[in-house]
């Protein structure tokens, strides 16, 4: 276990069903989550991220492996004996209680003194900026306000770890972006370890100190948002985190040779069999047809701040270039126009299949 880890999973397996028909939702998962860290489990539906969260919470028991909290084995402890709280997608608020009563409920169930409950409730109301609504029923609140109540209630007992199961999924786009900032603020102000589950790459990139990208019950890569985006470990990670272009060819010393015979500088490649590289769209540069890879403009899609230029190489491979609209000069481009392609320094990354 890492020295600063508050949660550690060791070779965790979770299977549903019996015998040959059993489905492994988690397959030999190991990770360490640091104290005071905003850690995100990211992946598509069915990848195992929510199952792992439920194992940490104690709502499910693993088929194999161990879960540690501060070095103590909590694998078989029931949820009420774990110093963790969970915020669910539905928030699970009590509609007949006021905002303040919802926040204080957990503290009262723990038998905390009345004076402490009152003080802590007031502190949480201030933290989530809901003091003026303390006496309102939760049914009178907006979705974003209800989410803040759920967060305040979960944070009130000062858990060592707060688990968040896609808590922003029910909010509209604008409110979801606002709450991303609020969640990060709450985590920084409280210093509590947040473990956040999402399938939304933007949420993960916006808030996380580190991200675990999951697929088919396994962890594909763990790292900071920047590390995972710039240096994806494999094809799945490269395609799931942001948009990217893949080019396949024959590996040479420091280069990739395409089927067209054109050569792409690819530091780190050694001569051998077929290899695949990844290049992010914002790292693609357009030039004269005589300069770089030969390509043809197939479509131009305007997004306001930038324009996506869809291109085809001579062998039909599609490449997307993301051009900053104000300075890109995309107005001079036209469908069917031949152009040259180059890539920014350090943009070419080899990825494993």
Protein backbone atom coordinates (compact mmCIF):
# COMPACT_ATOMS: atom_id res chain seq x y z
CA UNK A 1 0.00 0.00 0.00
CA UNK A 2 1.27 3.50 -0.87
CA UNK A 3 2.28 5.50 2.21
CA UNK A 4 -0.46 8.14 1.78
CA UNK A 5 -3.21 5.80 0.55
CA UNK A 6 -6.54 6.01 2.32
CA UNK A 7 -8.20 3.37 0.10
CA UNK A 8 -6.37 0.41 -1.41
CA UNK A 9 -7.78 -2.40 -3.55
CA UNK A 10 -5.69 -5.52 -3.97
CA UNK A 11 -6.47 -8.06 -6.72
CA UNK A 12 -10.20 -7.44 -6.37
CA UNK A 13 -12.55 -9.71 -8.31
CA UNK A 14 -16.33 -9.42 -8.45
CA UNK A 15 -18.32 -12.06 -10.31
CA UNK A 16 -22.08 -12.19 -10.74
CA UNK A 17 -23.61 -15.60 -11.27
CA UNK A 18 -22.19 -19.08 -10.84
CA UNK A 19 -20.09 -21.53 -12.81
CA UNK A 20 -19.50 -21.13 -16.53
CA UNK A 21 -22.20 -18.46 -16.75
CA UNK A 22 -20.57 -16.16 -14.20
CA UNK A 23 -19.79 -12.63 -15.38
CA UNK A 24 -16.71 -10.88 -14.00
CA UNK A 25 -17.65 -7.25 -13.38
CA UNK A 26 -14.18 -6.69 -11.89
CA UNK A 27 -11.17 -8.72 -12.92
CA UNK A 28 -8.05 -8.47 -10.73
CA UNK A 29 -8.31 -4.75 -9.92
CA UNK A 30 -5.60 -3.12 -7.80
CA UNK A 31 -5.21 0.59 -7.02
CA UNK A 32 -4.30 3.11 -4.31
CA UNK A 33 -6.31 6.29 -3.65
CA UNK A 34 -4.38 8.99 -1.83
CA UNK A 35 -5.52 10.91 1.23
CA UNK A 36 -7.23 14.17 0.25
CA UNK A 37 -7.31 13.20 -3.41
CA UNK A 38 -10.07 13.76 -5.96
CA UNK A 39 -9.93 10.37 -7.66
CA UNK A 40 -12.17 9.48 -10.59
CA UNK A 41 -13.22 6.08 -11.91
CA UNK A 42 -13.92 6.69 -15.58
CA UNK A 43 -15.25 4.36 -18.24
CA UNK A 44 -18.22 3.33 -20.38
CA UNK A 45 -21.35 1.67 -19.02
CA UNK A 46 -20.64 -1.85 -17.81
CA UNK A 47 -16.90 -1.32 -17.28
CA UNK A 48 -17.09 -2.03 -13.52
CA UNK A 49 -16.61 1.46 -12.09
CA UNK A 50 -19.88 1.55 -10.09
CA UNK A 51 -19.30 -2.03 -8.91
CA UNK A 52 -15.90 -0.98 -7.52
CA UNK A 53 -17.51 2.01 -5.79
CA UNK A 54 -20.14 -0.25 -4.21
CA UNK A 55 -17.41 -2.59 -2.95
CA UNK A 56 -15.65 0.33 -1.27
CA UNK A 57 -18.97 1.42 0.25
CA UNK A 58 -19.77 -2.10 1.47
CA UNK A 59 -22.97 -2.49 -0.54
CA UNK A 60 -21.41 -5.45 -2.36
CA UNK A 61 -18.88 -8.05 -1.23
CA UNK A 62 -15.99 -9.01 -3.52
CA UNK A 63 -15.63 -12.53 -4.89
CA UNK A 64 -11.91 -12.28 -4.25
CA UNK A 65 -9.25 -9.80 -3.20
CA UNK A 66 -8.97 -7.25 -0.41
CA UNK A 67 -10.08 -3.67 0.25
CA UNK A 68 -8.16 -1.62 2.82
CA UNK A 69 -8.98 1.69 4.48
CA UNK A 70 -6.04 3.37 6.21
CA UNK A 71 -4.31 -0.01 6.11
CA UNK A 72 -7.15 -1.86 7.88
CA UNK A 73 -8.98 -4.66 6.07
CA UNK A 74 -12.62 -3.57 5.54
CA UNK A 75 -13.44 -6.18 2.89
CA UNK A 76 -16.26 -7.78 4.86
CA UNK A 77 -17.36 -4.87 7.05
CA UNK A 78 -20.99 -3.74 6.62
CA UNK A 79 -21.58 -0.21 5.28
CA UNK A 80 -22.52 1.30 8.66
CA UNK A 81 -19.12 0.32 10.08
CA UNK A 82 -17.12 2.03 7.34
CA UNK A 83 -16.14 5.73 7.71
CA UNK A 84 -17.35 6.48 4.19
CA UNK A 85 -20.49 8.14 2.82
CA UNK A 86 -22.09 7.90 -0.61
CA UNK A 87 -23.91 10.44 -2.79
CA UNK A 88 -26.16 8.63 -5.25
CA UNK A 89 -27.49 9.68 -8.65
CA UNK A 90 -30.99 10.11 -7.17
CA UNK A 91 -29.74 12.10 -4.11
CA UNK A 92 -32.21 10.12 -1.90
CA UNK A 93 -33.35 13.20 0.06
CA UNK A 94 -36.27 13.14 2.52
CA UNK A 95 -39.03 15.25 0.89
CA UNK A 96 -40.94 15.75 4.17
CA UNK A 97 -37.90 17.27 5.90
CA UNK A 98 -36.37 20.72 5.49
CA UNK A 99 -32.93 21.33 4.03
CA UNK A 100 -31.45 21.71 7.52
CA UNK A 101 -33.20 18.57 8.77
CA UNK A 102 -31.89 16.56 5.83
CA UNK A 103 -28.34 17.69 6.56
CA UNK A 104 -28.60 16.99 10.30
CA UNK A 105 -30.30 13.59 9.89
CA UNK A 106 -27.14 11.51 9.66
CA UNK A 107 -25.53 13.25 12.63
CA UNK A 108 -28.61 12.62 14.75
CA UNK A 109 -28.63 8.93 13.77
CA UNK A 110 -25.01 8.74 14.93
CA UNK A 111 -26.09 10.09 18.33
CA UNK A 112 -24.05 13.28 18.16
CA UNK A 113 -24.81 15.96 20.83
CA UNK A 114 -27.52 18.46 19.86
CA UNK A 115 -25.15 21.43 20.07
CA UNK A 116 -22.67 19.73 17.73
CA UNK A 117 -25.45 18.79 15.30
CA UNK A 118 -26.67 22.39 15.18
CA UNK A 119 -23.18 23.82 14.69
CA UNK A 120 -22.19 21.27 12.07
CA UNK A 121 -25.46 21.75 10.14
CA UNK A 122 -24.88 25.51 10.05
CA UNK A 123 -21.32 24.91 8.86
CA UNK A 124 -22.51 22.64 6.05
CA UNK A 125 -25.23 25.09 4.98
CA UNK A 126 -22.55 27.76 4.65
CA UNK A 127 -20.21 25.40 2.80
CA UNK A 128 -22.79 24.64 0.10
CA UNK A 129 -24.18 28.20 0.16
CA UNK A 130 -27.72 27.26 1.14
CA UNK A 131 -28.18 29.22 4.39
CA UNK A 132 -31.21 31.19 3.05
CA UNK A 133 -32.97 27.92 2.18
CA UNK A 134 -32.42 26.07 5.46
CA UNK A 135 -36.14 25.96 6.31
CA UNK A 136 -37.38 24.99 2.84
CA UNK A 137 -38.55 21.51 1.95
CA UNK A 138 -36.26 19.78 -0.54
CA UNK A 139 -39.18 19.43 -2.98
CA UNK A 140 -39.09 23.24 -3.33
CA UNK A 141 -35.47 23.21 -4.57
CA UNK A 142 -33.94 23.01 -8.02
CA UNK A 143 -31.93 19.97 -9.09
CA UNK A 144 -28.63 21.72 -8.41
CA UNK A 145 -29.78 22.83 -4.95
CA UNK A 146 -30.96 19.31 -4.13
CA UNK A 147 -27.56 17.99 -5.09
CA UNK A 148 -25.90 20.46 -2.72
CA UNK A 149 -28.14 19.25 0.09
CA UNK A 150 -27.14 15.64 -0.64
CA UNK A 151 -23.46 16.64 -0.60
CA UNK A 152 -23.83 18.58 2.66
CA UNK A 153 -25.62 15.65 4.32
CA UNK A 154 -22.88 13.24 3.22
CA UNK A 155 -20.08 15.57 4.34
CA UNK A 156 -21.60 16.48 7.70
CA UNK A 157 -20.30 13.40 9.63
CA UNK A 158 -16.79 14.14 8.26
CA UNK A 159 -16.22 10.77 6.56
CA UNK A 160 -12.72 9.75 5.59
CA UNK A 161 -13.94 9.11 2.05
CA UNK A 162 -16.88 10.48 0.07
CA UNK A 163 -18.10 8.25 -2.76
CA UNK A 164 -20.00 9.91 -5.61
CA UNK A 165 -21.92 7.74 -8.07
CA UNK A 166 -22.48 9.90 -11.18
CA UNK A 167 -24.13 12.66 -9.07
CA UNK A 168 -24.26 15.17 -11.95
CA UNK A 169 -25.98 12.95 -14.51
CA UNK A 170 -29.50 14.31 -13.84
CA UNK A 171 -28.50 17.96 -14.29
CA UNK A 172 -28.67 20.00 -17.49
CA UNK A 173 -25.44 20.88 -19.28
CA UNK A 174 -24.96 24.40 -17.89
CA UNK A 175 -25.71 23.38 -14.31
CA UNK A 176 -23.51 20.29 -14.65
CA UNK A 177 -20.55 22.49 -15.62
CA UNK A 178 -21.21 24.82 -12.66
CA UNK A 179 -21.42 21.88 -10.27
CA UNK A 180 -18.12 20.48 -11.54
CA UNK A 181 -16.43 23.60 -10.21
CA UNK A 182 -18.45 23.46 -6.98
CA UNK A 183 -17.54 19.82 -6.35
CA UNK A 184 -13.85 20.55 -6.73
CA UNK A 185 -14.18 23.55 -4.41
CA UNK A 186 -15.91 21.43 -1.76
CA UNK A 187 -13.24 18.77 -1.99
CA UNK A 188 -10.43 21.30 -1.62
CA UNK A 189 -12.11 23.11 1.29
CA UNK A 190 -12.94 19.96 3.26
CA UNK A 191 -9.77 18.00 2.44
CA UNK A 192 -11.85 14.81 2.29
CA UNK A 193 -10.95 12.12 -0.23
CA UNK A 194 -13.51 12.09 -3.06
CA UNK A 195 -13.97 8.99 -5.22
CA UNK A 196 -16.06 10.00 -8.21
CA UNK A 197 -17.67 7.69 -10.78
CA UNK A 198 -18.52 8.98 -14.25
CA UNK A 199 -18.63 8.02 -17.91
CA UNK A 200 -18.16 11.69 -18.88
CA UNK A 201 -14.57 12.40 -19.88
CA UNK A 202 -15.02 16.16 -19.48
CA UNK A 203 -16.10 15.75 -15.85
CA UNK A 204 -13.07 13.59 -15.20
CA UNK A 205 -10.63 15.97 -16.87
CA UNK A 206 -12.12 19.03 -15.14
CA UNK A 207 -12.10 17.85 -11.53
CA UNK A 208 -9.71 14.97 -10.97
CA UNK A 209 -6.30 14.86 -9.36
CA UNK A 210 -5.97 11.38 -10.86
CA UNK A 211 -8.12 9.21 -13.09
CA UNK A 212 -8.46 5.44 -13.41
CA UNK A 213 -9.70 4.58 -16.90
CA UNK A 214 -11.62 1.29 -16.84
CA UNK A 215 -12.82 -1.13 -19.50
CA UNK A 216 -14.30 -4.63 -19.26
CA UNK A 217 -13.67 -4.90 -15.52
CA UNK A 218 -10.01 -3.92 -15.69
CA UNK A 219 -8.05 -0.74 -15.10
CA UNK A 220 -6.44 0.35 -18.34
CA UNK A 221 -4.44 3.30 -17.02
CA UNK A 222 -4.11 5.45 -13.89
CA UNK A 223 -2.65 8.93 -13.98
CA UNK A 224 -3.29 12.66 -13.97
CA UNK A 225 -5.64 14.06 -16.59
CA UNK A 226 -2.68 15.56 -18.44
CA UNK A 227 -0.65 12.33 -18.39
CA UNK A 228 -3.54 10.21 -19.66
CA UNK A 229 -4.49 12.68 -22.36
CA UNK A 230 -0.96 13.29 -23.65
CA UNK A 231 0.46 9.79 -23.08
CA UNK A 232 -2.39 7.25 -23.42
CA UNK A 233 -1.24 3.72 -22.70
CA UNK A 234 -3.34 1.98 -25.34
CA UNK A 235 -5.86 2.48 -28.11
CA UNK A 236 -8.86 2.30 -25.79
CA UNK A 237 -7.56 5.05 -23.49
CA UNK A 238 -6.56 7.27 -26.41
CA UNK A 239 -10.02 7.00 -27.97
CA UNK A 240 -12.01 7.29 -24.73
CA UNK A 241 -10.21 10.35 -23.35
CA UNK A 242 -10.90 13.07 -25.88
CA UNK A 243 -10.79 12.73 -29.65
CA UNK A 244 -7.80 11.38 -31.52
CA UNK A 245 -6.53 10.22 -34.89
CA UNK A 246 -5.02 6.76 -35.37
CA UNK A 247 -2.48 5.97 -38.07
CA UNK A 248 -1.17 2.45 -38.68
CA UNK A 249 1.91 1.49 -40.65
CA UNK A 250 5.26 -0.27 -40.50
CA UNK A 251 7.58 0.69 -37.65
CA UNK A 252 11.01 1.98 -38.61
CA UNK A 253 13.75 3.48 -36.49
CA UNK A 254 12.15 6.68 -35.20
CA UNK A 255 9.37 6.72 -37.79
CA UNK A 256 6.16 5.14 -39.06
CA UNK A 257 5.95 4.21 -42.73
CA UNK A 258 2.38 4.46 -44.08
CA UNK A 259 0.93 2.24 -46.81
CA UNK A 260 1.26 5.22 -49.16
CA UNK A 261 5.02 5.17 -48.59
CA UNK A 262 4.93 8.45 -46.69
CA UNK A 263 6.97 8.70 -43.49
CA UNK A 264 5.93 10.17 -40.12
CA UNK A 265 8.53 11.06 -37.52
CA UNK A 266 7.75 8.95 -34.42
CA UNK A 267 10.50 9.12 -31.78
CA UNK A 268 10.81 5.92 -29.80
CA UNK A 269 9.70 3.57 -32.56
CA UNK A 270 12.10 0.79 -33.49
CA UNK A 271 12.09 -1.24 -36.67
CA UNK A 272 9.65 -4.11 -36.51
CA UNK A 273 6.11 -5.13 -37.33
CA UNK A 274 3.02 -2.96 -37.69
CA UNK A 275 2.55 -0.12 -35.23
CA UNK A 276 -0.19 2.39 -34.42
CA UNK A 277 0.28 6.03 -33.47
CA UNK A 278 -2.18 8.52 -31.99
CA UNK A 279 -2.30 12.25 -32.78
CA UNK A 280 -4.82 14.61 -31.17
CA UNK A 281 -6.80 16.82 -33.62
CA UNK A 282 -5.50 20.05 -32.08
CA UNK A 283 -1.94 18.87 -32.84
CA UNK A 284 -2.58 18.59 -36.60
CA UNK A 285 -1.21 21.47 -38.69
CA UNK A 286 -2.30 22.29 -42.25
CA UNK A 287 0.19 23.46 -44.86
CA UNK A 288 0.73 23.57 -48.61
CA UNK A 289 0.11 20.29 -50.51
CA UNK A 290 3.84 20.00 -51.15
CA UNK A 291 4.63 20.18 -47.42
CA UNK A 292 4.00 17.07 -45.31
CA UNK A 293 1.47 14.27 -45.74
CA UNK A 294 -0.80 14.67 -48.74
CA UNK A 295 -4.48 14.99 -47.82
CA UNK A 296 -7.80 16.24 -49.19
CA UNK A 297 -10.41 18.26 -47.32
CA UNK A 298 -13.65 16.25 -47.09
CA UNK A 299 -15.75 18.37 -44.68
CA UNK A 300 -15.59 21.52 -42.52
CA UNK A 301 -17.65 21.63 -39.31
CA UNK A 302 -17.86 25.00 -37.52
CA UNK A 303 -18.15 24.92 -33.69
CA UNK A 304 -17.73 28.61 -32.95
CA UNK A 305 -14.43 28.62 -31.06
CA UNK A 306 -12.94 26.12 -33.49
CA UNK A 307 -13.55 24.37 -36.76
CA UNK A 308 -13.12 20.63 -37.32
CA UNK A 309 -11.54 19.92 -40.67
CA UNK A 310 -12.13 16.33 -41.82
CA UNK A 311 -9.46 15.12 -44.24
CA UNK A 312 -8.61 11.96 -46.13
CA UNK A 313 -5.09 10.73 -46.79
CA UNK A 314 -4.22 9.16 -50.14
CA UNK A 315 -5.09 5.68 -48.84
CA UNK A 316 -8.49 6.83 -47.50
CA UNK A 317 -7.46 7.13 -43.84
CA UNK A 318 -9.51 9.87 -42.15
CA UNK A 319 -7.79 12.59 -40.14
CA UNK A 320 -9.49 15.35 -38.16
CA UNK A 321 -7.73 18.67 -37.56
CA UNK A 322 -9.10 21.07 -34.94
CA UNK A 323 -8.43 24.64 -36.07
CA UNK A 324 -8.88 27.68 -33.87
CA UNK A 325 -11.57 29.65 -35.68
CA UNK A 326 -10.33 33.27 -35.25
CA UNK A 327 -6.82 32.59 -36.51
CA UNK A 328 -7.06 29.41 -38.55
CA UNK A 329 -7.92 30.90 -41.88
CA UNK A 330 -10.41 28.08 -42.41
CA UNK A 331 -12.49 30.45 -44.54
CA UNK A 332 -9.90 29.84 -47.26
CA UNK A 333 -10.43 26.08 -47.15
CA UNK A 334 -12.90 24.28 -49.35
CA UNK A 335 -14.17 20.72 -49.67
CA UNK A 336 -12.02 18.86 -52.19
CA UNK A 337 -9.01 21.10 -51.65
CA UNK A 338 -5.60 19.37 -51.43
CA UNK A 339 -3.51 20.26 -48.37
CA UNK A 340 -0.41 19.09 -46.58
CA UNK A 341 -0.38 17.79 -42.99
CA UNK A 342 2.22 18.11 -40.28
CA UNK A 343 2.06 17.33 -36.58
CA UNK A 344 3.19 19.49 -33.66
CA UNK A 345 6.36 18.55 -31.81
CA UNK A 346 5.71 15.73 -29.34
CA UNK A 347 2.21 15.08 -30.73
CA UNK A 348 2.91 11.59 -32.08
CA UNK A 349 2.33 8.89 -29.45
CA UNK A 350 2.61 5.15 -30.01
CA UNK A 351 -0.33 3.19 -28.62
CA UNK A 352 -0.78 -0.52 -28.03
CA UNK A 353 -3.85 -2.29 -29.36
